[in-house]
C-alpha cells in the first residue's frame, strides 16, 4: 500500500513537471497575446483564445443555446461546446481584451492539466501492477507537453481512458456511459467499441457488448438530443464540417490532391479505407493465437483512423499516447516515435507561420516546405512502425511485455492459467474485465487458430 501511494505521488509530480513545461511552451503567447503570424512563429497557437473571441464566448453567448451568426457557430461536438461555454461564464468582466482572453485560456489550460493527471493515473492502473511506472511515459510525453492546450482533446482522452479502465474492472455499463460521453467530446473514443465487439464475440460474451453499446448510445443521446431539438443547425455543424472539409494539414491525402475529388469525395475514400483497416484488425483479433489485449486493438484502430484522416492536427497525437504506452510499453520505440512527432509539430507551425504571414516568414526558399513534408513522412512512418510492433506482439504474445508481467504476477499469486486457450506462460489482459478466464468460442483460421463459429450471449 505504501509503495502504491509513493508511486501515485511520483506520477503526479512528473505530470506537474510536464504541466509546467506545457505552460512554458506557450509563455510567449500568454505575455504577448495570440495573433497571426506571431502565435505560429512562436509555436503557441491555441483554439482556446481564438474561439473565445470568434465564437461569441467573449460576448456571453453560450454555444448551441443562443442564436449566433453563421461564422460564430462552434464546429465541435456538444460536450466541447458545453465545456467552453461553462468556462467562459467564469471569466470576469466584458469584452475581448487580452486579460479576459488570458483568463479564459488559463482556465482551460488548468482543466486539461487536471484531465492529464487523471489520464496518467488511469494508465497506471490499466496495466500490470509491476508495470505501473510505464505511466511516466504519459506524464512526460513531449507530444502532450507541446500540444496540450491547442484544443480540448485531453477531455476526450480522459473519458476514453477512464472507460477502458472501467471495462477492465468489469463495469460494462459505466464503461459504455463514458464512451458515449467521450464520443460527444471527440469522435475517436467511439472506435473503442470496435475493439470490444471483436473481443466479446471471440470470448462468447455478447451480453457485455450489449451493455456497453446500450449505455453508450444512451449517454450520447442524453447529452446530444436536447441540443438537436433546440439548435439542430448548430449541432449538425460539426458533422457537416467533418464530411465536407477539404484535405488539410498533415494528411496523407495532400499527396493525392490531383484526384478530381472535393472534401466529401475524400471523406468517402478515407472512410472506405478505414473500414477496410477495421475489417483487417477484426480478422487479426479473431485469428490471432491468443485473444489480443483491448489496448492493442484500440491502438491499431485509432492509429488507422489518424493515418487515413483528411487532417492530422498536432494535438491528435494525444489520442495515441496513452494507448501506445498500454499497447507497446517499450521506451526506445516510444522515444523514437515522439521525436518524430516533435519534428512534425515544429514543421507544422513553421508552415502555418509562412502561410499566415503571406510568405514573408521563410520566404525566398523552400526549406519550410521540405521540413513540413519530411515531418508528415516521419509521423506516418513511425506510427506505422508502432502498429507493426503491436501486431508482432499480438501474433507472438510471449513477447508482449505486459503479458509477461501479468504472467509473473499470476504465478506469484498461485492463480490458475486463464481458460481462454492461452499458453500457460502467457498472462491475461489486465483490462480483460468480464472476459477474463473465458474460453474462445469464435475464432478464424490462418494465424494460429482453428475455425470456431459459435456465438454465445
Protein backbone atom coordinates (compact mmCIF):
# COMPACT_ATOMS: atom_id res chain seq x y z
CA UNK A 1 0.00 0.00 0.00
CA UNK A 2 2.84 2.36 0.87
CA UNK A 3 4.56 1.53 -2.44
CA UNK A 4 1.36 2.29 -4.37
CA UNK A 5 0.93 5.63 -2.59
CA UNK A 6 4.54 6.56 -3.32
CA UNK A 7 4.09 5.71 -6.99
CA UNK A 8 0.98 7.88 -7.20
CA UNK A 9 2.87 10.85 -5.82
CA UNK A 10 5.73 10.23 -8.26
CA UNK A 11 3.28 10.12 -11.18
CA UNK A 12 1.51 13.29 -10.05
CA UNK A 13 4.84 15.08 -9.55
CA UNK A 14 6.01 14.04 -13.02
CA UNK A 15 2.75 15.25 -14.56
CA UNK A 16 3.07 18.53 -12.67
CA UNK A 17 6.54 18.92 -14.21
CA UNK A 18 5.08 18.19 -17.63
CA UNK A 19 2.32 20.73 -17.00
CA UNK A 20 4.89 23.38 -16.05
CA UNK A 21 6.75 22.68 -19.28
CA UNK A 22 3.48 22.93 -21.24
CA UNK A 23 2.92 26.37 -19.71
CA UNK A 24 6.47 27.39 -20.56
CA UNK A 25 5.89 26.30 -24.17
CA UNK A 26 3.10 28.87 -24.57
CA UNK A 27 4.71 31.59 -22.44
CA UNK A 28 5.26 33.97 -25.37
CA UNK A 29 1.57 34.00 -26.29
CA UNK A 30 0.43 34.36 -22.70
CA UNK A 31 2.53 37.53 -22.43
CA UNK A 32 2.10 38.98 -25.91
CA UNK A 33 -1.27 37.63 -26.98
CA UNK A 34 -2.40 35.29 -29.73
CA UNK A 35 -2.13 36.99 -33.11
CA UNK A 36 -1.01 35.94 -36.60
CA UNK A 37 1.66 35.16 -37.60
CA UNK A 38 3.44 35.52 -34.25
CA UNK A 39 1.50 32.75 -32.49
CA UNK A 40 2.63 30.37 -35.23
CA UNK A 41 6.22 31.60 -35.31
CA UNK A 42 6.47 31.11 -31.55
CA UNK A 43 4.53 27.82 -31.80
CA UNK A 44 1.99 28.67 -29.10
CA UNK A 45 -1.28 28.74 -31.06
CA UNK A 46 -4.41 27.74 -29.14
CA UNK A 47 -8.05 27.32 -30.11
CA UNK A 48 -8.93 28.39 -26.56
CA UNK A 49 -8.00 32.01 -27.22
CA UNK A 50 -9.16 32.05 -30.84
CA UNK A 51 -12.63 30.65 -30.22
CA UNK A 52 -13.22 32.79 -27.13
CA UNK A 53 -13.22 35.86 -29.36
CA UNK A 54 -14.57 34.37 -32.61
CA UNK A 55 -17.42 32.13 -31.39
CA UNK A 56 -19.29 34.67 -29.26
CA UNK A 57 -17.97 33.33 -25.95
CA UNK A 58 -16.48 36.71 -25.01
CA UNK A 59 -19.92 38.27 -25.60
CA UNK A 60 -21.65 35.89 -23.20
CA UNK A 61 -23.17 33.69 -25.92
CA UNK A 62 -23.45 30.02 -24.98
CA UNK A 63 -22.75 27.57 -27.85
CA UNK A 64 -25.75 25.58 -29.08
CA UNK A 65 -28.04 27.64 -26.85
CA UNK A 66 -28.02 31.21 -28.16
CA UNK A 67 -28.63 32.15 -31.76
CA UNK A 68 -25.37 33.25 -33.36
CA UNK A 69 -24.16 34.33 -36.78
CA UNK A 70 -23.06 31.58 -39.14
CA UNK A 71 -19.39 32.42 -38.66
CA UNK A 72 -19.75 32.15 -34.85
CA UNK A 73 -21.09 28.57 -34.72
CA UNK A 74 -18.87 26.14 -32.79
CA UNK A 75 -17.64 23.46 -35.20
CA UNK A 76 -17.16 20.88 -32.45
CA UNK A 77 -19.22 18.18 -30.74
CA UNK A 78 -21.64 19.03 -27.94
CA UNK A 79 -19.51 18.49 -24.87
CA UNK A 80 -16.63 20.64 -26.12
CA UNK A 81 -19.17 23.41 -26.68
CA UNK A 82 -20.54 22.89 -23.17
CA UNK A 83 -17.08 22.96 -21.55
CA UNK A 84 -16.12 26.09 -23.49
CA UNK A 85 -19.43 27.77 -22.66
CA UNK A 86 -19.31 26.98 -18.94
CA UNK A 87 -15.70 28.14 -18.54
CA UNK A 88 -16.45 31.32 -20.50
CA UNK A 89 -19.15 32.17 -17.94
CA UNK A 90 -16.45 32.14 -15.24
CA UNK A 91 -14.41 34.87 -16.94
CA UNK A 92 -14.99 38.21 -15.15
CA UNK A 93 -15.60 41.47 -16.98
CA UNK A 94 -16.76 42.18 -20.51
CA UNK A 95 -15.29 42.31 -23.99
CA UNK A 96 -12.44 40.51 -25.71
CA UNK A 97 -9.43 42.25 -24.19
CA UNK A 98 -6.16 40.44 -23.53
CA UNK A 99 -6.86 39.98 -19.81
CA UNK A 100 -10.17 38.20 -20.45
CA UNK A 101 -8.68 36.07 -23.24
CA UNK A 102 -5.79 35.09 -20.96
CA UNK A 103 -8.17 34.27 -18.09
CA UNK A 104 -10.22 32.00 -20.38
CA UNK A 105 -7.07 30.38 -21.72
CA UNK A 106 -5.71 29.74 -18.23
CA UNK A 107 -8.99 28.22 -17.06
CA UNK A 108 -8.97 25.80 -19.97
CA UNK A 109 -5.27 25.02 -19.58
CA UNK A 110 -5.83 24.22 -15.91
CA UNK A 111 -8.80 21.98 -16.80
CA UNK A 112 -6.85 19.94 -19.37
CA UNK A 113 -3.93 19.62 -16.93
CA UNK A 114 -6.33 18.04 -14.42
CA UNK A 115 -7.56 15.70 -17.16
CA UNK A 116 -3.93 14.86 -17.95
CA UNK A 117 -3.21 13.97 -14.33
CA UNK A 118 -6.25 11.71 -14.31
CA UNK A 119 -5.13 10.05 -17.57
CA UNK A 120 -1.71 9.30 -16.07
CA UNK A 121 -3.27 7.62 -13.00
CA UNK A 122 -5.76 5.77 -15.20
CA UNK A 123 -2.91 4.49 -17.41
CA UNK A 124 -1.01 3.27 -14.34
CA UNK A 125 -3.99 1.19 -13.19
CA UNK A 126 -4.77 -0.10 -16.70
CA UNK A 127 -1.65 -2.24 -16.98
CA UNK A 128 0.03 -4.98 -14.98
CA UNK A 129 0.79 -3.95 -11.40
CA UNK A 130 4.54 -4.31 -11.89
CA UNK A 131 4.44 -2.03 -14.94
CA UNK A 132 2.58 0.91 -13.46
CA UNK A 133 5.65 3.08 -13.84
CA UNK A 134 5.01 2.95 -17.60
CA UNK A 135 2.54 5.77 -16.95
CA UNK A 136 5.55 8.08 -16.56
CA UNK A 137 5.77 7.95 -20.35
CA UNK A 138 2.35 9.62 -20.44
CA UNK A 139 3.25 12.11 -17.71
CA UNK A 140 6.33 13.32 -19.58
CA UNK A 141 5.33 12.72 -23.20
CA UNK A 142 6.60 15.58 -25.42
CA UNK A 143 3.54 15.18 -27.63
CA UNK A 144 1.30 16.11 -24.71
CA UNK A 145 3.55 18.83 -23.30
CA UNK A 146 3.65 20.66 -26.64
CA UNK A 147 0.04 20.22 -27.79
CA UNK A 148 -1.96 20.10 -24.55
CA UNK A 149 -3.62 23.49 -24.98
CA UNK A 150 -4.11 23.50 -28.75
CA UNK A 151 -7.65 22.21 -28.27
CA UNK A 152 -9.89 20.32 -25.83
CA UNK A 153 -8.73 16.84 -26.92
CA UNK A 154 -7.42 15.85 -23.47
CA UNK A 155 -11.00 15.80 -22.19
CA UNK A 156 -11.81 13.02 -24.68
CA UNK A 157 -8.55 11.21 -23.85
CA UNK A 158 -9.60 11.23 -20.19
CA UNK A 159 -13.12 9.95 -20.87
CA UNK A 160 -11.90 7.23 -23.26
CA UNK A 161 -9.14 6.08 -20.93
CA UNK A 162 -11.46 6.00 -17.92
CA UNK A 163 -13.95 3.97 -19.97
CA UNK A 164 -11.30 1.35 -20.76
CA UNK A 165 -10.29 1.15 -17.10
CA UNK A 166 -13.91 0.59 -16.05
CA UNK A 167 -14.28 -2.02 -18.78
CA UNK A 168 -11.20 -3.75 -17.41
CA UNK A 169 -12.74 -3.78 -13.93
CA UNK A 170 -15.91 -5.43 -15.23
CA UNK A 171 -18.15 -2.33 -15.11
CA UNK A 172 -19.56 -2.64 -18.62
CA UNK A 173 -22.43 -0.18 -18.20
CA UNK A 174 -20.26 2.57 -16.73
CA UNK A 175 -17.68 1.97 -19.45
CA UNK A 176 -20.40 2.44 -22.06
CA UNK A 177 -21.63 5.64 -20.42
CA UNK A 178 -18.14 7.15 -20.54
CA UNK A 179 -17.57 6.03 -24.12
CA UNK A 180 -20.80 7.78 -25.09
CA UNK A 181 -19.67 10.94 -23.32
CA UNK A 182 -16.23 10.64 -24.92
CA UNK A 183 -17.78 10.41 -28.37
CA UNK A 184 -19.79 13.54 -27.53
CA UNK A 185 -16.48 15.29 -26.82
CA UNK A 186 -14.41 13.94 -29.73
CA UNK A 187 -15.40 11.18 -32.11
CA UNK A 188 -12.45 8.83 -31.60
CA UNK A 189 -13.49 7.09 -28.29
CA UNK A 190 -16.37 5.65 -30.32
CA UNK A 191 -13.83 3.40 -32.06
CA UNK A 192 -13.10 1.60 -28.79
CA UNK A 193 -16.42 -0.15 -29.29
CA UNK A 194 -14.93 -1.92 -32.29
CA UNK A 195 -12.24 -3.50 -30.13
CA UNK A 196 -14.80 -4.51 -27.50
CA UNK A 197 -17.04 -6.03 -30.18
CA UNK A 198 -14.21 -8.18 -31.56
CA UNK A 199 -13.16 -9.44 -28.13
CA UNK A 200 -16.70 -10.09 -26.86
CA UNK A 201 -17.55 -12.05 -29.99
CA UNK A 202 -14.39 -14.14 -29.66
CA UNK A 203 -14.93 -14.80 -25.95
CA UNK A 204 -18.65 -15.58 -26.28
CA UNK A 205 -19.77 -12.68 -24.09
CA UNK A 206 -22.18 -10.71 -26.27
CA UNK A 207 -24.19 -9.50 -23.28
CA UNK A 208 -21.20 -7.44 -22.15
CA UNK A 209 -21.04 -5.87 -25.61
CA UNK A 210 -24.78 -5.16 -25.46
CA UNK A 211 -24.39 -3.48 -22.07
CA UNK A 212 -21.57 -1.22 -23.29
CA UNK A 213 -23.36 -0.41 -26.52
CA UNK A 214 -26.73 0.40 -24.96
CA UNK A 215 -25.17 2.51 -22.20
CA UNK A 216 -23.01 4.34 -24.73
CA UNK A 217 -25.91 5.13 -27.03
CA UNK A 218 -27.98 6.25 -24.05
CA UNK A 219 -25.35 8.65 -22.67
CA UNK A 220 -24.59 10.06 -26.13
CA UNK A 221 -28.27 10.70 -26.76
CA UNK A 222 -28.73 12.21 -23.29
CA UNK A 223 -26.24 14.99 -23.98
CA UNK A 224 -26.97 15.44 -27.68
CA UNK A 225 -30.75 15.26 -28.05
CA UNK A 226 -31.53 18.47 -26.12
CA UNK A 227 -29.30 20.46 -28.47
CA UNK A 228 -30.56 18.58 -31.52
CA UNK A 229 -34.06 19.71 -30.60
CA UNK A 230 -33.29 23.32 -29.76
CA UNK A 231 -30.42 24.19 -32.14
CA UNK A 232 -30.23 21.49 -34.78
CA UNK A 233 -28.28 23.52 -37.34
CA UNK A 234 -25.60 24.46 -34.82
CA UNK A 235 -25.48 20.90 -33.50
CA UNK A 236 -25.08 19.45 -37.01
CA UNK A 237 -22.27 21.85 -37.98
CA UNK A 238 -19.53 19.52 -36.70
CA UNK A 239 -20.79 16.57 -38.73
CA UNK A 240 -21.30 18.65 -41.90
CA UNK A 241 -17.89 20.27 -41.46
CA UNK A 242 -16.15 16.93 -40.92
CA UNK A 243 -17.73 15.47 -44.04
CA UNK A 244 -17.30 18.45 -46.36
CA UNK A 245 -13.98 19.98 -45.23
CA UNK A 246 -11.17 19.87 -47.72
CA UNK A 247 -8.00 17.88 -47.17
CA UNK A 248 -5.90 19.87 -44.73
CA UNK A 249 -2.75 19.91 -42.60
CA UNK A 250 -0.54 16.80 -42.49
CA UNK A 251 -2.99 14.45 -44.19
CA UNK A 252 -1.66 11.74 -46.46
CA UNK A 253 -4.32 12.88 -48.92
CA UNK A 254 -2.33 16.03 -49.67
CA UNK A 255 -0.26 13.80 -51.95
CA UNK A 256 -3.45 12.93 -53.84
CA UNK A 257 -4.80 16.44 -54.33
CA UNK A 258 -4.62 15.83 -58.07
CA UNK A 259 -7.61 13.50 -57.81
CA UNK A 260 -10.91 15.02 -59.05
CA UNK A 261 -12.46 14.86 -55.56
CA UNK A 262 -13.86 17.50 -53.24
CA UNK A 263 -13.92 17.28 -49.46
CA UNK A 264 -16.95 14.98 -49.44
CA UNK A 265 -15.32 12.72 -52.04
CA UNK A 266 -12.16 12.38 -49.98
CA UNK A 267 -14.35 11.59 -46.95
CA UNK A 268 -15.86 8.63 -48.81
CA UNK A 269 -12.40 7.42 -49.86
CA UNK A 270 -10.92 7.92 -46.39
CA UNK A 271 -13.81 6.27 -44.58
CA UNK A 272 -13.85 3.38 -47.02
CA UNK A 273 -10.17 2.61 -46.47
CA UNK A 274 -10.63 3.00 -42.71
CA UNK A 275 -13.41 0.40 -42.86
CA UNK A 276 -11.06 -1.97 -44.71
CA UNK A 277 -8.44 -1.45 -41.98
CA UNK A 278 -11.05 -2.16 -39.30
CA UNK A 279 -12.02 -5.39 -41.01
CA UNK A 280 -8.36 -6.39 -41.13
CA UNK A 281 -7.97 -5.61 -37.42
CA UNK A 282 -11.12 -7.61 -36.67
CA UNK A 283 -9.68 -10.60 -38.53
CA UNK A 284 -6.45 -10.22 -36.53
CA UNK A 285 -8.47 -10.18 -33.32
CA UNK A 286 -10.37 -13.34 -34.24
CA UNK A 287 -7.48 -15.31 -35.78
CA UNK A 288 -4.56 -14.42 -33.50
CA UNK A 289 -3.07 -17.29 -31.43
CA UNK A 290 -4.26 -15.61 -28.21
CA UNK A 291 -7.10 -13.15 -27.67
CA UNK A 292 -5.46 -9.71 -28.13
CA UNK A 293 -5.43 -7.14 -25.36
CA UNK A 294 -8.10 -4.46 -25.71
CA UNK A 295 -5.49 -1.65 -25.65
CA UNK A 296 -3.69 -3.27 -28.59
CA UNK A 297 -6.81 -3.32 -30.75
CA UNK A 298 -7.81 0.20 -29.71
CA UNK A 299 -4.37 1.49 -30.64
CA UNK A 300 -4.50 -0.15 -34.08
CA UNK A 301 -7.99 1.21 -34.80
CA UNK A 302 -7.25 4.79 -33.70
CA UNK A 303 -3.88 4.81 -35.47
CA UNK A 304 -5.57 3.69 -38.69
CA UNK A 305 -8.10 6.48 -38.36
CA UNK A 306 -5.37 9.06 -37.80
CA UNK A 307 -3.29 7.88 -40.74
CA UNK A 308 -6.25 7.90 -43.13
CA UNK A 309 -7.93 11.10 -41.93
CA UNK A 310 -8.33 14.25 -44.01
CA UNK A 311 -6.45 16.24 -41.39
CA UNK A 312 -3.89 15.48 -38.72
CA UNK A 313 -3.91 18.35 -36.25
CA UNK A 314 -0.81 18.40 -33.99
CA UNK A 315 -2.83 17.62 -30.84
CA UNK A 316 -4.23 14.38 -32.30
CA UNK A 317 -1.02 12.72 -31.10
CA UNK A 318 -2.55 12.82 -27.61
CA UNK A 319 -5.18 10.31 -28.72
CA UNK A 320 -2.46 7.73 -29.29
CA UNK A 321 0.00 8.30 -26.45
CA UNK A 322 -1.83 6.50 -23.58
CA UNK A 323 -2.92 3.72 -25.94
CA UNK A 324 0.65 3.30 -27.23
CA UNK A 325 2.00 3.09 -23.66
CA UNK A 326 -0.54 0.38 -22.83
CA UNK A 327 -0.20 -1.48 -26.13
CA UNK A 328 3.59 -1.40 -26.54
CA UNK A 329 5.36 -0.08 -23.43
CA UNK A 330 8.89 -0.10 -24.86
CA UNK A 331 10.73 3.13 -24.05
CA UNK A 332 13.08 3.13 -27.04
CA UNK A 333 10.29 2.76 -29.59
CA UNK A 334 8.13 5.39 -27.92
CA UNK A 335 11.03 7.87 -27.72
CA UNK A 336 11.75 7.46 -31.44
CA UNK A 337 8.07 7.99 -32.26
CA UNK A 338 7.80 11.05 -30.02
CA UNK A 339 10.94 12.54 -31.57
CA UNK A 340 9.31 12.23 -34.99
CA UNK A 341 6.11 13.82 -33.69
CA UNK A 342 8.03 16.76 -32.17
CA UNK A 343 9.74 17.36 -35.52
CA UNK A 344 6.35 17.22 -37.24
CA UNK A 345 4.88 19.62 -34.65
CA UNK A 346 7.62 22.21 -35.29
CA UNK A 347 7.32 21.83 -39.07
CA UNK A 348 3.54 22.37 -38.95
CA UNK A 349 3.89 25.65 -37.07
CA UNK A 350 6.64 26.89 -39.38
CA UNK A 351 4.43 26.09 -42.35
CA UNK A 352 1.41 27.83 -40.84
CA UNK A 353 3.64 30.82 -39.93
CA UNK A 354 4.65 31.13 -43.57
CA UNK A 355 1.03 30.90 -44.70
CA UNK A 356 -0.37 33.39 -42.18
CA UNK A 357 2.47 35.86 -42.84
CA UNK A 358 1.67 35.91 -46.52
CA UNK A 359 5.04 34.32 -47.31
CA UNK A 360 7.17 36.92 -45.56
CA UNK A 361 8.27 34.39 -42.93
CA UNK A 362 10.60 31.87 -44.52
CA UNK A 363 10.20 33.42 -47.96
CA UNK A 364 12.75 33.03 -50.73
CA UNK A 365 13.45 29.36 -50.13
CA UNK A 366 11.66 26.03 -49.74
CA UNK A 367 13.25 24.82 -46.52
CA UNK A 368 9.98 25.07 -44.59
CA UNK A 369 8.05 23.13 -47.22
CA UNK A 370 10.76 20.46 -47.26
CA UNK A 371 10.73 20.17 -43.45
CA UNK A 372 6.93 20.01 -43.50
CA UNK A 373 6.94 17.14 -45.99
CA UNK A 374 9.60 15.31 -44.00
CA UNK A 375 7.59 15.87 -40.80
CA UNK A 376 4.50 14.29 -42.32
CA UNK A 377 6.55 11.34 -43.56
CA UNK A 378 8.27 10.90 -40.18
CA UNK A 379 4.92 10.96 -38.37
CA UNK A 380 3.34 8.40 -40.71
CA UNK A 381 6.36 6.07 -40.85
CA UNK A 382 6.79 5.93 -37.07
CA UNK A 383 3.08 5.38 -36.41
CA UNK A 384 3.01 2.55 -38.98
CA UNK A 385 6.17 1.12 -37.38
CA UNK A 386 4.49 1.12 -33.96
CA UNK A 387 1.47 -0.59 -35.48
CA UNK A 388 3.73 -3.32 -36.91
CA UNK A 389 5.34 -3.79 -33.48
CA UNK A 390 1.94 -4.10 -31.82
CA UNK A 391 0.79 -6.63 -34.43
CA UNK A 392 4.01 -8.57 -33.77
CA UNK A 393 3.16 -8.79 -30.07
CA UNK A 394 -0.36 -9.96 -30.91
CA UNK A 395 0.97 -12.71 -33.16
CA UNK A 396 3.73 -13.63 -30.68
CA UNK A 397 2.11 -13.00 -27.28
CA UNK A 398 5.09 -14.40 -25.36
CA UNK A 399 6.98 -11.24 -26.44
CA UNK A 400 4.31 -8.93 -25.01
CA UNK A 401 5.87 -7.09 -22.05
CA UNK A 402 2.50 -6.57 -20.35
CA UNK A 403 1.53 -10.24 -20.67
CA UNK A 404 4.94 -11.26 -19.35
CA UNK A 405 4.44 -9.08 -16.28
CA UNK A 406 0.89 -10.31 -15.77
CA UNK A 407 2.00 -13.95 -16.09
CA UNK A 408 4.71 -13.42 -13.47
CA UNK A 409 2.16 -11.88 -11.11
CA UNK A 410 -0.24 -14.78 -11.69
CA UNK A 411 2.49 -17.32 -10.89
CA UNK A 412 3.45 -15.41 -7.75
CA UNK A 413 -0.16 -15.33 -6.61
CA UNK A 414 -0.63 -19.00 -7.50
CA UNK A 415 -3.56 -18.25 -9.79
CA UNK A 416 -4.59 -20.84 -12.40
CA UNK A 417 -3.85 -20.16 -16.02
CA UNK A 418 -6.61 -18.38 -17.96
CA UNK A 419 -9.07 -20.68 -19.68
CA UNK A 420 -9.07 -18.72 -22.93
CA UNK A 421 -6.82 -21.05 -24.86
CA UNK A 422 -3.70 -19.18 -23.80
CA UNK A 423 -0.42 -20.98 -23.24
CA UNK A 424 0.34 -21.29 -19.52
CA UNK A 425 3.21 -18.78 -19.81
CA UNK A 426 1.04 -16.09 -21.39
CA UNK A 427 -0.60 -13.70 -18.96
CA UNK A 428 -4.14 -12.38 -19.18
CA UNK A 429 -5.05 -8.89 -20.37
CA UNK A 430 -5.13 -6.56 -17.32
CA UNK A 431 -8.18 -4.95 -18.95
CA UNK A 432 -9.95 -8.23 -19.76
CA UNK A 433 -12.88 -7.34 -17.49
CA UNK A 434 -15.80 -9.72 -17.88
CA UNK A 435 -13.84 -11.69 -20.50
CA UNK A 436 -11.18 -12.79 -18.01
CA UNK A 437 -10.70 -16.57 -17.97
CA UNK A 438 -13.25 -17.27 -20.71
CA UNK A 439 -12.54 -19.78 -23.45
CA UNK A 440 -12.71 -18.66 -27.06
CA UNK A 441 -15.90 -19.56 -28.91
CA UNK A 442 -15.49 -17.56 -32.13
CA UNK A 443 -12.16 -17.78 -33.97
CA UNK A 444 -11.00 -17.78 -37.57
CA UNK A 445 -8.18 -19.81 -39.13
CA UNK A 446 -4.96 -18.52 -40.64
CA UNK A 447 -2.91 -17.10 -37.76
CA UNK A 448 -2.72 -19.99 -35.34
CA UNK A 449 -6.37 -20.66 -34.53
CA UNK A 450 -8.88 -23.21 -35.76
CA UNK A 451 -12.23 -22.10 -37.04
CA UNK A 452 -14.91 -21.80 -34.35
CA UNK A 453 -18.15 -20.06 -35.21
CA UNK A 454 -20.18 -20.33 -32.01
CA UNK A 455 -21.99 -17.23 -30.82
CA UNK A 456 -22.82 -17.04 -27.13
CA UNK A 457 -24.79 -14.49 -25.20
